[in-house]
N, C-alpha and C. Protein backbone atom coordinates (compact mmCIF):
# COMPACT_ATOMS: atom_id res chain seq x y z
N MET A 1 161.02 94.95 60.36
CA MET A 1 162.07 94.67 59.41
C MET A 1 161.70 93.46 58.56
N ARG A 2 161.97 93.56 57.33
CA ARG A 2 161.63 92.49 56.39
C ARG A 2 162.35 91.18 56.72
N GLU A 3 163.60 91.26 57.16
CA GLU A 3 164.37 90.06 57.47
C GLU A 3 163.73 89.30 58.63
N LEU A 4 163.23 90.03 59.61
CA LEU A 4 162.59 89.38 60.76
C LEU A 4 161.26 88.76 60.35
N ASP A 5 160.53 89.43 59.48
CA ASP A 5 159.30 88.85 58.94
C ASP A 5 159.61 87.55 58.21
N ASP A 6 160.69 87.53 57.45
CA ASP A 6 161.09 86.33 56.72
C ASP A 6 161.39 85.18 57.68
N LEU A 7 162.07 85.47 58.78
CA LEU A 7 162.35 84.44 59.78
C LEU A 7 161.06 83.82 60.30
N LEU A 8 160.12 84.67 60.65
CA LEU A 8 158.86 84.19 61.20
C LEU A 8 158.06 83.40 60.16
N LEU A 9 158.07 83.87 58.93
CA LEU A 9 157.34 83.16 57.87
C LEU A 9 157.95 81.79 57.59
N ARG A 10 159.26 81.71 57.59
CA ARG A 10 159.90 80.41 57.36
C ARG A 10 159.52 79.43 58.46
N TYR A 11 159.48 79.91 59.71
CA TYR A 11 159.05 79.06 60.81
C TYR A 11 157.61 78.61 60.59
N LEU A 12 156.74 79.54 60.25
CA LEU A 12 155.33 79.21 60.04
C LEU A 12 155.14 78.17 58.93
N GLU A 13 155.90 78.29 57.90
CA GLU A 13 155.75 77.39 56.75
C GLU A 13 156.37 76.02 56.99
N SER A 14 157.49 75.97 57.72
CA SER A 14 158.19 74.70 57.83
C SER A 14 157.97 73.97 59.16
N ARG A 15 157.91 74.68 60.24
CA ARG A 15 157.87 74.03 61.56
C ARG A 15 156.48 74.06 62.20
N TYR A 16 155.80 75.16 62.10
CA TYR A 16 154.52 75.33 62.80
C TYR A 16 153.50 74.23 62.47
N PRO A 17 153.36 73.83 61.21
CA PRO A 17 152.35 72.80 60.91
C PRO A 17 152.59 71.47 61.63
N ILE A 18 153.83 71.16 61.96
CA ILE A 18 154.13 69.88 62.61
C ILE A 18 154.40 70.03 64.11
N ALA A 19 154.33 71.25 64.61
CA ALA A 19 154.64 71.52 66.01
C ALA A 19 153.53 71.00 66.92
N ALA A 20 153.94 70.63 68.12
CA ALA A 20 152.97 70.23 69.14
C ALA A 20 152.18 71.46 69.61
N ASP A 21 151.06 71.20 70.24
CA ASP A 21 150.20 72.30 70.68
C ASP A 21 150.91 73.26 71.63
N ASP A 22 151.77 72.72 72.52
CA ASP A 22 152.47 73.61 73.45
C ASP A 22 153.47 74.49 72.73
N GLU A 23 154.10 73.98 71.67
CA GLU A 23 155.02 74.80 70.88
C GLU A 23 154.25 75.88 70.11
N LYS A 24 153.09 75.52 69.60
CA LYS A 24 152.25 76.51 68.90
C LYS A 24 151.83 77.62 69.85
N ALA A 25 151.47 77.26 71.07
CA ALA A 25 151.09 78.26 72.07
C ALA A 25 152.28 79.15 72.41
N ALA A 26 153.46 78.56 72.52
CA ALA A 26 154.67 79.35 72.80
C ALA A 26 154.98 80.29 71.65
N PHE A 27 154.78 79.84 70.42
CA PHE A 27 155.00 80.71 69.27
C PHE A 27 154.04 81.89 69.31
N GLN A 28 152.79 81.64 69.63
CA GLN A 28 151.82 82.72 69.73
C GLN A 28 152.20 83.70 70.83
N ALA A 29 152.75 83.18 71.93
CA ALA A 29 153.21 84.07 73.00
C ALA A 29 154.40 84.91 72.54
N VAL A 30 155.27 84.32 71.73
CA VAL A 30 156.41 85.06 71.18
C VAL A 30 155.90 86.20 70.29
N LEU A 31 154.89 85.94 69.50
CA LEU A 31 154.34 86.97 68.63
C LEU A 31 153.70 88.12 69.40
N GLU A 32 153.29 87.88 70.61
CA GLU A 32 152.66 88.91 71.43
C GLU A 32 153.67 89.75 72.21
N LEU A 33 154.95 89.41 72.11
CA LEU A 33 155.98 90.18 72.80
C LEU A 33 156.06 91.59 72.22
N PRO A 34 156.46 92.56 73.03
CA PRO A 34 156.69 93.90 72.49
C PRO A 34 157.78 93.85 71.41
N ASP A 35 157.63 94.67 70.38
CA ASP A 35 158.57 94.65 69.26
C ASP A 35 160.04 94.74 69.68
N PRO A 36 160.41 95.63 70.60
CA PRO A 36 161.84 95.70 70.96
C PRO A 36 162.36 94.38 71.55
N GLU A 37 161.53 93.72 72.35
CA GLU A 37 161.94 92.45 72.95
C GLU A 37 162.05 91.36 71.88
N LEU A 38 161.06 91.26 71.02
CA LEU A 38 161.08 90.27 69.93
C LEU A 38 162.28 90.51 69.02
N ASN A 39 162.51 91.75 68.65
CA ASN A 39 163.66 92.07 67.80
C ASN A 39 164.97 91.67 68.48
N GLY A 40 165.07 91.93 69.77
CA GLY A 40 166.28 91.56 70.51
C GLY A 40 166.54 90.06 70.45
N TYR A 41 165.50 89.27 70.56
CA TYR A 41 165.65 87.81 70.49
C TYR A 41 166.02 87.37 69.08
N LEU A 42 165.32 87.88 68.09
CA LEU A 42 165.55 87.44 66.71
C LEU A 42 166.88 87.95 66.16
N LEU A 43 167.36 89.06 66.67
CA LEU A 43 168.67 89.58 66.25
C LEU A 43 169.79 89.06 67.15
N GLN A 44 169.42 88.19 68.07
CA GLN A 44 170.34 87.53 69.00
C GLN A 44 171.10 88.51 69.88
N ARG A 45 170.44 89.58 70.25
CA ARG A 45 171.01 90.55 71.19
C ARG A 45 170.57 90.24 72.61
N GLN A 46 169.50 89.45 72.72
CA GLN A 46 168.96 89.03 74.01
C GLN A 46 168.64 87.55 73.91
N VAL A 47 168.56 86.90 75.08
CA VAL A 47 168.18 85.49 75.15
C VAL A 47 166.95 85.39 76.04
N PRO A 48 165.90 84.76 75.55
CA PRO A 48 164.71 84.63 76.39
C PRO A 48 165.01 83.77 77.62
N THR A 49 164.44 84.14 78.74
CA THR A 49 164.66 83.38 79.97
C THR A 49 163.62 82.29 80.15
N GLU A 50 162.46 82.46 79.58
CA GLU A 50 161.42 81.44 79.68
C GLU A 50 161.71 80.31 78.71
N GLY A 51 161.68 79.09 79.22
CA GLY A 51 162.06 77.92 78.44
C GLY A 51 161.28 77.73 77.15
N SER A 52 159.97 77.88 77.19
CA SER A 52 159.18 77.63 75.99
C SER A 52 159.46 78.68 74.91
N LYS A 53 159.63 79.92 75.32
CA LYS A 53 159.96 80.97 74.34
C LYS A 53 161.36 80.76 73.79
N ALA A 54 162.29 80.36 74.64
CA ALA A 54 163.66 80.09 74.18
C ALA A 54 163.66 78.95 73.16
N PHE A 55 162.84 77.93 73.40
CA PHE A 55 162.73 76.79 72.50
C PHE A 55 162.26 77.25 71.12
N VAL A 56 161.22 78.07 71.10
CA VAL A 56 160.67 78.55 69.83
C VAL A 56 161.66 79.47 69.12
N ILE A 57 162.28 80.37 69.84
CA ILE A 57 163.26 81.28 69.22
C ILE A 57 164.40 80.47 68.62
N LYS A 58 164.85 79.46 69.34
CA LYS A 58 165.93 78.60 68.81
C LYS A 58 165.52 77.97 67.48
N HIS A 59 164.29 77.49 67.41
CA HIS A 59 163.81 76.88 66.16
C HIS A 59 163.64 77.91 65.06
N ILE A 60 163.15 79.08 65.41
CA ILE A 60 162.99 80.14 64.40
C ILE A 60 164.35 80.48 63.78
N LEU A 61 165.36 80.60 64.62
CA LEU A 61 166.69 80.98 64.15
C LEU A 61 167.43 79.86 63.44
N SER A 62 167.01 78.62 63.66
CA SER A 62 167.71 77.48 63.07
C SER A 62 167.24 77.10 61.66
N ILE A 63 166.13 77.68 61.23
CA ILE A 63 165.61 77.35 59.90
C ILE A 63 166.44 78.06 58.85
N PRO A 64 167.01 77.28 57.93
CA PRO A 64 167.89 77.91 56.91
C PRO A 64 167.13 78.79 55.94
N ASN A 65 167.80 79.81 55.49
CA ASN A 65 167.26 80.71 54.48
C ASN A 65 167.53 80.08 53.12
N VAL A 66 166.45 79.71 52.45
CA VAL A 66 166.61 79.02 51.16
C VAL A 66 166.33 79.94 50.02
């Protein structure tokens, strides 16, 4: 979905460059999730149980759409 791609791109452009290495690794792990699971998190239908993934998803969803 284009909207989900936009969410990820906004994170990459605004947060990823300043993120710590562990956050970058967690983001890469999020990208490796199966599409249904990733979509569930980004559409807020599911909540990740792993702390580092939850942290990254929270930041992805908190970036305003400009």
